[in-house]
Amino acid sequence: MRTYRIVHWGTGNVGSLVLPTILDRADFQVVGQYVHNLEKVGRDTGELAGRAPIGVKATHDIDALIALKPD
């Protein structure tokens, strides 16, 4: 099975519903997390989904996310 490196975009109304599903998928590896709300910058993506940390910190820096070279 191929694993896709993804950046999850947003943790608002829709993004917060999608994030737990993405984290449960074995074929997705979250490598970046974009947040619009500056108060969420630096928070762990897992914690933003109400889960244990996954080691991916949220950012508002689009160029940094592109540099991660997600699929």
Protein backbone atom coordinates (compact mmCIF):
# COMPACT_ATOMS: atom_id res chain seq x y z
CA MET A 1 0.00 0.00 0.00
CA ARG A 2 1.27 3.45 -0.89
CA THR A 3 1.41 6.11 1.81
CA TYR A 4 0.58 9.67 0.76
CA ARG A 5 2.32 12.59 2.45
CA ILE A 6 -0.33 15.21 3.04
CA VAL A 7 -0.78 18.66 4.49
CA HIS A 8 -4.08 19.11 6.26
CA TRP A 9 -5.53 22.55 5.59
CA GLY A 10 -7.54 24.22 8.31
CA THR A 11 -9.11 23.23 11.59
CA GLY A 12 -12.37 25.16 11.34
CA ASN A 13 -15.85 23.70 10.96
CA VAL A 14 -15.05 21.31 8.11
CA GLY A 15 -11.35 20.77 8.77
CA SER A 16 -11.95 19.70 12.35
CA LEU A 17 -14.40 17.05 11.14
CA VAL A 18 -12.02 15.72 8.49
CA LEU A 19 -8.82 15.66 10.56
CA PRO A 20 -9.65 12.64 12.79
CA THR A 21 -10.55 10.59 9.70
CA ILE A 22 -7.27 11.50 8.03
CA LEU A 23 -5.32 10.54 11.15
CA ASP A 24 -7.04 7.13 11.18
CA ARG A 25 -6.03 6.28 7.63
CA ALA A 26 -2.95 4.10 7.26
CA ASP A 27 -2.38 5.39 3.72
CA PHE A 28 -2.05 9.05 4.83
CA GLN A 29 0.92 10.53 6.64
CA VAL A 30 0.22 14.06 7.88
CA VAL A 31 3.46 15.99 7.36
CA GLY A 32 2.06 19.50 7.79
CA GLN A 33 -0.86 21.37 9.28
CA TYR A 34 -2.07 24.78 8.11
CA VAL A 35 -4.09 26.91 10.50
CA HIS A 36 -5.67 30.27 9.81
CA ASN A 37 -6.09 31.13 13.49
CA LEU A 38 -2.73 32.44 14.73
CA GLU A 39 -3.53 31.24 18.26
CA LYS A 40 -3.24 27.64 16.96
CA VAL A 41 0.23 28.11 15.43
CA GLY A 42 2.71 25.78 17.13
CA ARG A 43 0.08 23.41 18.49
CA ASP A 44 0.36 19.74 17.66
CA THR A 45 -1.97 18.44 14.95
CA GLY A 46 -3.03 15.45 17.05
CA GLU A 47 -3.99 17.73 19.91
CA LEU A 48 -5.99 19.94 17.53
CA ALA A 49 -7.97 16.79 16.68
CA GLY A 50 -8.52 15.98 20.37
CA ARG A 51 -5.94 13.19 20.33
CA ALA A 52 -2.41 12.45 21.46
CA PRO A 53 0.38 14.48 19.82
CA ILE A 54 1.67 13.20 16.48
CA GLY A 55 4.75 15.44 16.24
CA VAL A 56 3.42 17.78 13.52
CA LYS A 57 3.15 21.41 14.58
CA ALA A 58 0.55 23.70 13.04
CA THR A 59 1.75 26.67 11.02
CA HIS A 60 0.45 29.69 9.16
CA ASP A 61 3.48 29.63 6.81
CA ILE A 62 2.34 28.40 3.40
CA ASP A 63 5.87 28.39 1.96
CA ALA A 64 7.06 26.11 4.78
CA LEU A 65 4.24 23.68 4.01
CA ILE A 66 5.06 23.64 0.31
CA ALA A 67 8.71 22.99 1.20
CA LEU A 68 7.60 19.75 2.89
CA LYS A 69 6.83 18.43 -0.62
CA PRO A 70 3.54 16.70 0.17
CA ASP A 71 1.99 14.43 -2.42
